[in-house]
């Protein structure tokens, strides 16, 4: 199963980073290019353990829906969302947060697997891993910018 791992250094407190990473509103802002919208379950605010959200978005030219559930919730250090309905055979995303001297290290470990057997595995390696990595990087840029912007506002 393919895995994408990213680390993002954020100059902001761990609690703020944790909350922004689980913000439905910030997620929608960061994915506005694909018109990603929460359409069922938790549709705004902060999602918590055991809760679900259904996203509707256009990715790769195809309008699709994906429902995920927060399976692990250990504030402010870790949460995991897992797809319970959608295109992928498997999709889970671990979000880890660690205090650092200048703020927080946010680490994403993202696992996915397409359906379609060997053809899906080929698609994962040749195309989907790169596409999904770009989406995660974009989302992380929004979390980082929002957290650091809030910190600047706190200082003023």
N, C-alpha and C. Protein backbone atom coordinates (compact mmCIF):
# COMPACT_ATOMS: atom_id res chain seq x y z
N UNK A 1 0.85 -1.18 0.00
CA UNK A 1 0.00 0.00 0.00
C UNK A 1 0.90 1.24 0.00
N UNK A 2 0.69 2.17 -0.94
CA UNK A 2 1.51 3.39 -0.98
C UNK A 2 1.34 4.23 0.28
N UNK A 3 2.41 4.92 0.63
CA UNK A 3 2.41 5.79 1.81
C UNK A 3 3.09 7.10 1.45
N UNK A 4 2.49 8.19 1.88
CA UNK A 4 3.07 9.52 1.72
C UNK A 4 3.32 10.05 3.12
N UNK A 5 4.55 10.49 3.39
CA UNK A 5 4.89 11.06 4.70
C UNK A 5 5.42 12.47 4.48
N UNK A 6 4.86 13.41 5.21
CA UNK A 6 5.26 14.82 5.13
C UNK A 6 5.50 15.35 6.53
N UNK A 7 6.47 16.25 6.67
CA UNK A 7 6.68 16.97 7.93
C UNK A 7 6.64 18.46 7.63
N UNK A 8 5.90 19.18 8.46
CA UNK A 8 5.75 20.62 8.30
C UNK A 8 6.10 21.31 9.62
N UNK A 9 7.05 22.23 9.58
CA UNK A 9 7.40 23.01 10.77
C UNK A 9 6.49 24.23 10.81
N UNK A 10 5.86 24.43 11.96
CA UNK A 10 4.92 25.55 12.11
C UNK A 10 5.30 26.34 13.35
N UNK A 11 5.47 27.63 13.20
CA UNK A 11 5.80 28.51 14.33
C UNK A 11 4.51 28.93 15.03
N UNK A 12 3.92 27.98 15.72
CA UNK A 12 2.67 28.22 16.46
C UNK A 12 2.51 27.11 17.48
N UNK A 13 1.70 27.34 18.51
CA UNK A 13 1.49 26.32 19.55
C UNK A 13 0.82 25.06 19.01
N UNK A 14 1.12 23.95 19.63
CA UNK A 14 0.62 22.64 19.21
C UNK A 14 -0.92 22.58 19.20
N UNK A 15 -1.58 23.15 20.20
CA UNK A 15 -3.05 23.12 20.26
C UNK A 15 -3.67 23.81 19.04
N UNK A 16 -3.09 24.93 18.66
CA UNK A 16 -3.62 25.68 17.51
C UNK A 16 -3.44 24.86 16.23
N UNK A 17 -2.28 24.25 16.07
CA UNK A 17 -2.02 23.44 14.87
C UNK A 17 -2.96 22.24 14.80
N UNK A 18 -3.16 21.58 15.94
CA UNK A 18 -4.06 20.43 16.01
C UNK A 18 -5.47 20.83 15.59
N UNK A 19 -5.95 21.94 16.14
CA UNK A 19 -7.32 22.39 15.83
C UNK A 19 -7.47 22.79 14.37
N UNK A 20 -6.48 23.49 13.83
CA UNK A 20 -6.59 23.91 12.42
C UNK A 20 -6.56 22.70 11.49
N UNK A 21 -5.81 21.67 11.85
CA UNK A 21 -5.73 20.48 11.01
C UNK A 21 -7.05 19.72 10.96
N UNK A 22 -7.90 19.89 11.99
CA UNK A 22 -9.19 19.19 11.99
C UNK A 22 -10.35 20.15 11.71
N UNK A 23 -10.04 21.32 11.25
CA UNK A 23 -11.06 22.31 10.91
C UNK A 23 -11.68 22.02 9.54
N UNK A 24 -12.96 21.79 9.54
CA UNK A 24 -13.69 21.55 8.29
C UNK A 24 -13.63 22.80 7.42
N UNK A 25 -13.76 23.97 8.03
CA UNK A 25 -13.77 25.23 7.29
C UNK A 25 -12.43 25.49 6.60
N UNK A 26 -11.33 25.29 7.33
CA UNK A 26 -10.02 25.50 6.74
C UNK A 26 -9.76 24.48 5.62
N UNK A 27 -10.19 23.25 5.82
CA UNK A 27 -10.02 22.23 4.78
C UNK A 27 -10.72 22.66 3.49
N UNK A 28 -11.94 23.17 3.62
CA UNK A 28 -12.69 23.61 2.44
C UNK A 28 -11.97 24.77 1.76
N UNK A 29 -11.42 25.70 2.55
CA UNK A 29 -10.67 26.83 1.96
C UNK A 29 -9.45 26.32 1.20
N UNK A 30 -8.73 25.38 1.79
CA UNK A 30 -7.49 24.91 1.18
C UNK A 30 -7.76 24.09 -0.09
N UNK A 31 -8.94 23.52 -0.20
CA UNK A 31 -9.28 22.68 -1.36
C UNK A 31 -10.29 23.37 -2.28
N UNK A 32 -10.31 24.70 -2.26
CA UNK A 32 -11.30 25.43 -3.06
C UNK A 32 -11.12 25.19 -4.56
N UNK A 33 -9.90 24.91 -5.00
CA UNK A 33 -9.65 24.67 -6.42
C UNK A 33 -10.43 23.45 -6.93
N UNK A 34 -10.58 22.44 -6.08
CA UNK A 34 -11.33 21.24 -6.47
C UNK A 34 -12.80 21.34 -6.02
N UNK A 35 -13.17 22.52 -5.53
CA UNK A 35 -14.55 22.77 -5.06
C UNK A 35 -14.97 21.75 -4.01
N UNK A 36 -14.02 21.40 -3.13
CA UNK A 36 -14.31 20.42 -2.09
C UNK A 36 -15.23 21.06 -1.05
N UNK A 37 -16.29 20.35 -0.73
CA UNK A 37 -17.29 20.87 0.20
C UNK A 37 -17.79 19.75 1.09
N UNK A 38 -17.95 20.08 2.38
CA UNK A 38 -18.54 19.13 3.33
C UNK A 38 -20.04 19.16 3.12
N UNK A 39 -20.62 17.99 2.80
CA UNK A 39 -22.05 17.94 2.46
C UNK A 39 -22.89 17.12 3.43
N UNK A 40 -22.24 16.37 4.33
CA UNK A 40 -22.99 15.58 5.32
C UNK A 40 -22.10 15.32 6.52
N UNK A 41 -22.73 14.96 7.63
CA UNK A 41 -21.98 14.75 8.87
C UNK A 41 -21.58 16.11 9.44
N UNK A 42 -20.37 16.22 9.91
CA UNK A 42 -19.85 17.50 10.42
C UNK A 42 -19.50 18.36 9.20
N UNK A 43 -20.20 19.47 9.03
CA UNK A 43 -20.00 20.29 7.83
C UNK A 43 -19.34 21.64 8.11
N UNK A 44 -19.04 21.92 9.38
CA UNK A 44 -18.29 23.13 9.73
C UNK A 44 -17.72 22.96 11.13
N UNK A 45 -16.80 23.83 11.47
CA UNK A 45 -16.19 23.76 12.80
C UNK A 45 -15.13 22.68 12.89
N UNK A 46 -14.92 22.18 14.12
CA UNK A 46 -13.86 21.21 14.39
C UNK A 46 -14.44 19.81 14.54
N UNK A 47 -13.93 18.88 13.75
CA UNK A 47 -14.39 17.50 13.84
C UNK A 47 -13.70 16.81 15.02
N UNK A 48 -14.40 15.87 15.67
CA UNK A 48 -13.88 15.19 16.85
C UNK A 48 -13.91 13.67 16.64
N UNK A 49 -13.36 12.98 17.62
CA UNK A 49 -13.32 11.53 17.57
C UNK A 49 -14.69 10.91 17.37
N UNK A 50 -14.76 9.90 16.50
CA UNK A 50 -16.00 9.19 16.23
C UNK A 50 -16.93 9.88 15.25
N UNK A 51 -16.64 11.13 14.91
CA UNK A 51 -17.52 11.87 13.98
C UNK A 51 -17.12 11.59 12.54
N UNK A 52 -18.08 11.83 11.64
CA UNK A 52 -17.87 11.61 10.21
C UNK A 52 -18.14 12.88 9.43
N UNK A 53 -17.51 12.97 8.27
CA UNK A 53 -17.77 14.04 7.31
C UNK A 53 -17.80 13.41 5.93
N UNK A 54 -18.74 13.88 5.10
CA UNK A 54 -18.78 13.47 3.71
C UNK A 54 -18.38 14.66 2.87
N UNK A 55 -17.35 14.45 2.05
CA UNK A 55 -16.82 15.48 1.17
C UNK A 55 -17.29 15.22 -0.25
N UNK A 56 -17.61 16.30 -0.93
CA UNK A 56 -17.90 16.22 -2.36
C UNK A 56 -16.89 17.12 -3.05
N UNK A 57 -16.24 16.62 -4.10
CA UNK A 57 -15.20 17.38 -4.79
C UNK A 57 -15.02 16.87 -6.20
N UNK A 58 -14.35 17.68 -7.01
CA UNK A 58 -13.97 17.26 -8.34
C UNK A 58 -12.47 17.06 -8.35
N UNK A 59 -12.06 15.81 -8.52
CA UNK A 59 -10.65 15.47 -8.61
C UNK A 59 -10.43 14.70 -9.90
N UNK A 60 -9.41 15.10 -10.64
CA UNK A 60 -9.07 14.44 -11.90
C UNK A 60 -10.25 14.46 -12.87
N UNK A 61 -11.01 15.56 -12.80
CA UNK A 61 -12.13 15.74 -13.71
C UNK A 61 -13.38 14.95 -13.36
N UNK A 62 -13.38 14.28 -12.22
CA UNK A 62 -14.52 13.45 -11.83
C UNK A 62 -15.10 13.96 -10.51
N UNK A 63 -16.41 14.21 -10.51
CA UNK A 63 -17.10 14.62 -9.28
C UNK A 63 -17.30 13.37 -8.43
N UNK A 64 -16.87 13.42 -7.18
CA UNK A 64 -16.96 12.25 -6.32
C UNK A 64 -17.28 12.62 -4.88
N UNK A 65 -17.68 11.60 -4.13
CA UNK A 65 -17.97 11.75 -2.69
C UNK A 65 -17.10 10.79 -1.92
N UNK A 66 -16.68 11.24 -0.74
CA UNK A 66 -15.87 10.43 0.15
C UNK A 66 -16.31 10.71 1.58
N UNK A 67 -16.61 9.67 2.33
CA UNK A 67 -16.97 9.83 3.74
C UNK A 67 -15.83 9.29 4.58
N UNK A 68 -15.40 10.10 5.55
CA UNK A 68 -14.34 9.66 6.46
C UNK A 68 -14.80 9.83 7.91
N UNK A 69 -14.21 9.01 8.76
CA UNK A 69 -14.51 9.01 10.20
C UNK A 69 -13.21 9.24 10.96
N UNK A 70 -13.30 10.00 12.06
CA UNK A 70 -12.15 10.17 12.95
C UNK A 70 -12.10 8.93 13.83
N UNK A 71 -11.14 8.08 13.56
CA UNK A 71 -11.03 6.78 14.22
C UNK A 71 -10.18 6.84 15.49
N UNK A 72 -9.15 7.68 15.48
CA UNK A 72 -8.29 7.88 16.66
C UNK A 72 -8.29 9.38 16.94
N UNK A 73 -8.42 9.74 18.22
CA UNK A 73 -8.48 11.15 18.59
C UNK A 73 -7.79 11.33 19.93
N UNK A 74 -6.55 11.84 19.92
CA UNK A 74 -5.75 12.05 21.13
C UNK A 74 -5.19 13.47 21.12
N UNK A 75 -6.03 14.47 21.44
CA UNK A 75 -5.58 15.86 21.41
C UNK A 75 -4.44 16.12 22.39
N UNK A 76 -3.50 16.97 22.08
CA UNK A 76 -3.28 17.61 20.78
C UNK A 76 -2.19 16.91 19.96
N UNK A 77 -2.03 15.61 20.14
CA UNK A 77 -0.88 14.92 19.55
C UNK A 77 -1.18 14.07 18.32
N UNK A 78 -2.40 13.57 18.18
CA UNK A 78 -2.65 12.64 17.07
C UNK A 78 -4.14 12.50 16.80
N UNK A 79 -4.48 12.45 15.53
CA UNK A 79 -5.79 11.96 15.13
C UNK A 79 -5.66 11.25 13.80
N UNK A 80 -6.58 10.33 13.55
CA UNK A 80 -6.57 9.56 12.30
C UNK A 80 -7.96 9.61 11.70
N UNK A 81 -7.99 9.97 10.40
CA UNK A 81 -9.25 9.85 9.67
C UNK A 81 -9.11 8.69 8.69
N UNK A 82 -10.22 7.94 8.56
CA UNK A 82 -10.26 6.75 7.74
C UNK A 82 -11.47 6.83 6.82
N UNK A 83 -11.28 6.54 5.53
CA UNK A 83 -12.38 6.52 4.60
C UNK A 83 -13.31 5.34 4.93
N UNK A 84 -14.59 5.64 5.06
CA UNK A 84 -15.58 4.58 5.27
C UNK A 84 -16.43 4.35 4.03
N UNK A 85 -16.38 5.31 3.10
CA UNK A 85 -17.09 5.16 1.84
C UNK A 85 -16.44 6.08 0.82
N UNK A 86 -16.16 5.55 -0.36
CA UNK A 86 -15.56 6.36 -1.41
C UNK A 86 -14.84 5.54 -2.44
N UNK A 87 -14.09 6.21 -3.29
CA UNK A 87 -13.43 5.60 -4.44
C UNK A 87 -12.35 4.59 -4.05
N UNK A 88 -11.54 4.92 -3.06
CA UNK A 88 -10.36 4.12 -2.75
C UNK A 88 -10.72 2.78 -2.11
N UNK A 89 -9.85 1.81 -2.31
CA UNK A 89 -9.97 0.54 -1.60
C UNK A 89 -9.62 0.77 -0.14
N UNK A 90 -8.58 1.57 0.09
CA UNK A 90 -8.14 1.94 1.44
C UNK A 90 -7.67 3.38 1.42
N UNK A 91 -8.00 4.12 2.46
CA UNK A 91 -7.48 5.47 2.64
C UNK A 91 -7.49 5.78 4.13
N UNK A 92 -6.32 6.05 4.68
CA UNK A 92 -6.26 6.50 6.07
C UNK A 92 -5.16 7.54 6.19
N UNK A 93 -5.41 8.49 7.06
CA UNK A 93 -4.52 9.65 7.20
C UNK A 93 -4.27 9.89 8.68
N UNK A 94 -3.02 9.63 9.09
CA UNK A 94 -2.61 9.93 10.46
C UNK A 94 -2.02 11.32 10.49
N UNK A 95 -2.45 12.10 11.48
CA UNK A 95 -1.96 13.46 11.70
C UNK A 95 -1.28 13.46 13.07
N UNK A 96 0.03 13.68 13.09
CA UNK A 96 0.79 13.70 14.34
C UNK A 96 1.30 15.11 14.59
N UNK A 97 1.34 15.51 15.88
CA UNK A 97 1.79 16.84 16.27
C UNK A 97 2.77 16.68 17.42
N UNK A 98 3.90 17.38 17.30
CA UNK A 98 4.96 17.27 18.30
C UNK A 98 5.44 18.68 18.64
N UNK A 99 5.57 18.94 19.93
CA UNK A 99 6.10 20.24 20.34
C UNK A 99 7.55 20.32 19.88
N UNK A 100 7.93 21.51 19.41
CA UNK A 100 9.29 21.77 18.94
C UNK A 100 9.76 23.08 19.55
N UNK A 101 11.07 23.32 19.57
CA UNK A 101 11.58 24.56 20.19
C UNK A 101 10.94 25.84 19.64
N UNK A 102 10.64 25.86 18.35
CA UNK A 102 10.07 27.08 17.77
C UNK A 102 8.60 26.90 17.38
N UNK A 103 7.92 25.94 18.00
CA UNK A 103 6.51 25.76 17.69
C UNK A 103 6.10 24.31 17.66
N UNK A 104 5.73 23.83 16.46
CA UNK A 104 5.15 22.49 16.32
C UNK A 104 5.67 21.84 15.04
N UNK A 105 5.88 20.54 15.12
CA UNK A 105 6.13 19.74 13.92
C UNK A 105 4.84 18.97 13.65
N UNK A 106 4.28 19.19 12.48
CA UNK A 106 3.08 18.46 12.05
C UNK A 106 3.55 17.40 11.06
N UNK A 107 3.20 16.15 11.34
CA UNK A 107 3.60 15.05 10.47
C UNK A 107 2.36 14.34 9.95
N UNK A 108 2.31 14.19 8.65
CA UNK A 108 1.24 13.45 8.00
C UNK A 108 1.78 12.11 7.54
N UNK A 109 1.04 11.06 7.82
CA UNK A 109 1.32 9.74 7.24
C UNK A 109 0.01 9.32 6.57
N UNK A 110 0.06 9.26 5.26
CA UNK A 110 -1.14 9.08 4.44
C UNK A 110 -1.00 7.78 3.65
N UNK A 111 -1.91 6.85 3.90
CA UNK A 111 -1.91 5.55 3.22
C UNK A 111 -3.11 5.50 2.28
N UNK A 112 -2.90 4.96 1.09
CA UNK A 112 -4.01 4.82 0.16
C UNK A 112 -3.78 3.62 -0.74
N UNK A 113 -4.87 3.12 -1.26
CA UNK A 113 -4.80 2.03 -2.22
C UNK A 113 -6.03 2.11 -3.11
N UNK A 114 -5.78 2.14 -4.41
CA UNK A 114 -6.86 2.18 -5.38
C UNK A 114 -7.48 0.80 -5.56
N UNK A 115 -8.72 0.78 -6.01
CA UNK A 115 -9.30 -0.52 -6.39
C UNK A 115 -8.68 -0.96 -7.73
N UNK A 116 -9.17 -1.95 -8.33
CA UNK A 116 -8.79 -2.41 -9.67
C UNK A 116 -7.52 -3.25 -9.71
N UNK A 117 -7.16 -3.91 -8.60
CA UNK A 117 -6.05 -4.86 -8.61
C UNK A 117 -4.74 -4.29 -9.11
N UNK A 118 -4.09 -5.02 -10.03
CA UNK A 118 -2.77 -4.60 -10.52
C UNK A 118 -2.83 -3.28 -11.26
N UNK A 119 -3.94 -3.00 -11.98
CA UNK A 119 -4.08 -1.73 -12.69
C UNK A 119 -4.15 -0.57 -11.70
N UNK A 120 -4.81 -0.78 -10.57
CA UNK A 120 -4.87 0.24 -9.52
C UNK A 120 -3.51 0.49 -8.91
N UNK A 121 -2.74 -0.58 -8.70
CA UNK A 121 -1.38 -0.42 -8.15
C UNK A 121 -0.50 0.38 -9.09
N UNK A 122 -0.65 0.16 -10.37
CA UNK A 122 0.10 0.91 -11.37
C UNK A 122 -0.32 2.38 -11.36
N UNK A 123 -1.62 2.62 -11.30
CA UNK A 123 -2.15 3.98 -11.22
C UNK A 123 -1.62 4.69 -9.98
N UNK A 124 -1.59 3.99 -8.83
CA UNK A 124 -1.08 4.57 -7.60
C UNK A 124 0.35 5.07 -7.78
N UNK A 125 1.20 4.22 -8.34
CA UNK A 125 2.62 4.54 -8.47
C UNK A 125 2.90 5.60 -9.53
N UNK A 126 2.21 5.49 -10.66
CA UNK A 126 2.50 6.38 -11.78
C UNK A 126 1.89 7.77 -11.65
N UNK A 127 0.77 7.87 -10.93
CA UNK A 127 0.06 9.13 -10.97
C UNK A 127 -0.52 9.58 -9.63
N UNK A 128 -1.27 8.72 -8.98
CA UNK A 128 -2.02 9.15 -7.80
C UNK A 128 -1.13 9.60 -6.65
N UNK A 129 0.00 8.95 -6.42
CA UNK A 129 0.88 9.34 -5.31
C UNK A 129 1.31 10.80 -5.47
N UNK A 130 1.69 11.19 -6.68
CA UNK A 130 2.11 12.57 -6.94
C UNK A 130 0.96 13.54 -6.76
N UNK A 131 -0.20 13.19 -7.28
CA UNK A 131 -1.38 14.04 -7.18
C UNK A 131 -1.78 14.24 -5.72
N UNK A 132 -1.85 13.16 -4.96
CA UNK A 132 -2.25 13.25 -3.55
C UNK A 132 -1.21 13.99 -2.72
N UNK A 133 0.06 13.79 -3.02
CA UNK A 133 1.13 14.52 -2.31
C UNK A 133 0.95 16.03 -2.49
N UNK A 134 0.66 16.46 -3.71
CA UNK A 134 0.44 17.90 -3.98
C UNK A 134 -0.75 18.44 -3.19
N UNK A 135 -1.83 17.64 -3.11
CA UNK A 135 -3.00 18.07 -2.32
C UNK A 135 -2.64 18.22 -0.84
N UNK A 136 -1.90 17.25 -0.31
CA UNK A 136 -1.50 17.32 1.10
C UNK A 136 -0.58 18.52 1.36
N UNK A 137 0.35 18.77 0.46
CA UNK A 137 1.25 19.92 0.62
C UNK A 137 0.46 21.23 0.60
N UNK A 138 -0.50 21.33 -0.29
CA UNK A 138 -1.35 22.53 -0.37
C UNK A 138 -2.12 22.72 0.92
N UNK A 139 -2.71 21.66 1.42
CA UNK A 139 -3.46 21.72 2.67
C UNK A 139 -2.56 22.14 3.82
N UNK A 140 -1.36 21.55 3.89
CA UNK A 140 -0.43 21.87 4.97
C UNK A 140 0.04 23.33 4.90
N UNK A 141 0.20 23.86 3.70
CA UNK A 141 0.55 25.28 3.55
C UNK A 141 -0.53 26.15 4.18
N UNK A 142 -1.79 25.78 3.99
CA UNK A 142 -2.90 26.55 4.57
C UNK A 142 -2.92 26.44 6.09
N UNK A 143 -2.69 25.25 6.62
CA UNK A 143 -2.64 25.09 8.08
C UNK A 143 -1.52 25.94 8.65
N UNK A 144 -0.34 25.85 8.06
CA UNK A 144 0.82 26.60 8.53
C UNK A 144 0.57 28.12 8.46
N UNK A 145 0.11 28.59 7.32
CA UNK A 145 -0.14 30.02 7.15
C UNK A 145 -1.19 30.53 8.15
N UNK A 146 -2.26 29.77 8.33
CA UNK A 146 -3.31 30.19 9.26
C UNK A 146 -2.80 30.20 10.70
N UNK A 147 -2.06 29.18 11.09
CA UNK A 147 -1.54 29.10 12.46
C UNK A 147 -0.57 30.23 12.73
N UNK A 148 0.32 30.49 11.79
CA UNK A 148 1.33 31.54 11.99
C UNK A 148 0.71 32.93 11.89
N UNK A 149 -0.29 33.08 11.05
CA UNK A 149 -1.00 34.37 10.95
C UNK A 149 -1.72 34.68 12.26
N UNK A 150 -2.35 33.66 12.86
CA UNK A 150 -3.04 33.85 14.13
C UNK A 150 -2.04 34.23 15.22
N UNK A 151 -0.84 33.65 15.16
CA UNK A 151 0.19 33.96 16.15
C UNK A 151 0.61 35.42 16.02
N UNK A 152 0.77 35.89 14.77
CA UNK A 152 1.13 37.30 14.54
C UNK A 152 0.06 38.22 15.10
N UNK A 153 -1.20 37.85 14.92
CA UNK A 153 -2.31 38.67 15.42
C UNK A 153 -2.30 38.68 16.95
N UNK A 154 -1.93 37.54 17.57
CA UNK A 154 -1.86 37.46 19.04
C UNK A 154 -0.80 38.40 19.60
N UNK A 155 0.29 38.56 18.87
CA UNK A 155 1.42 39.36 19.33
C UNK A 155 1.11 40.85 19.26
N UNK A 156 0.35 41.25 18.25
CA UNK A 156 0.05 42.69 18.04
C UNK A 156 -0.87 43.24 19.09
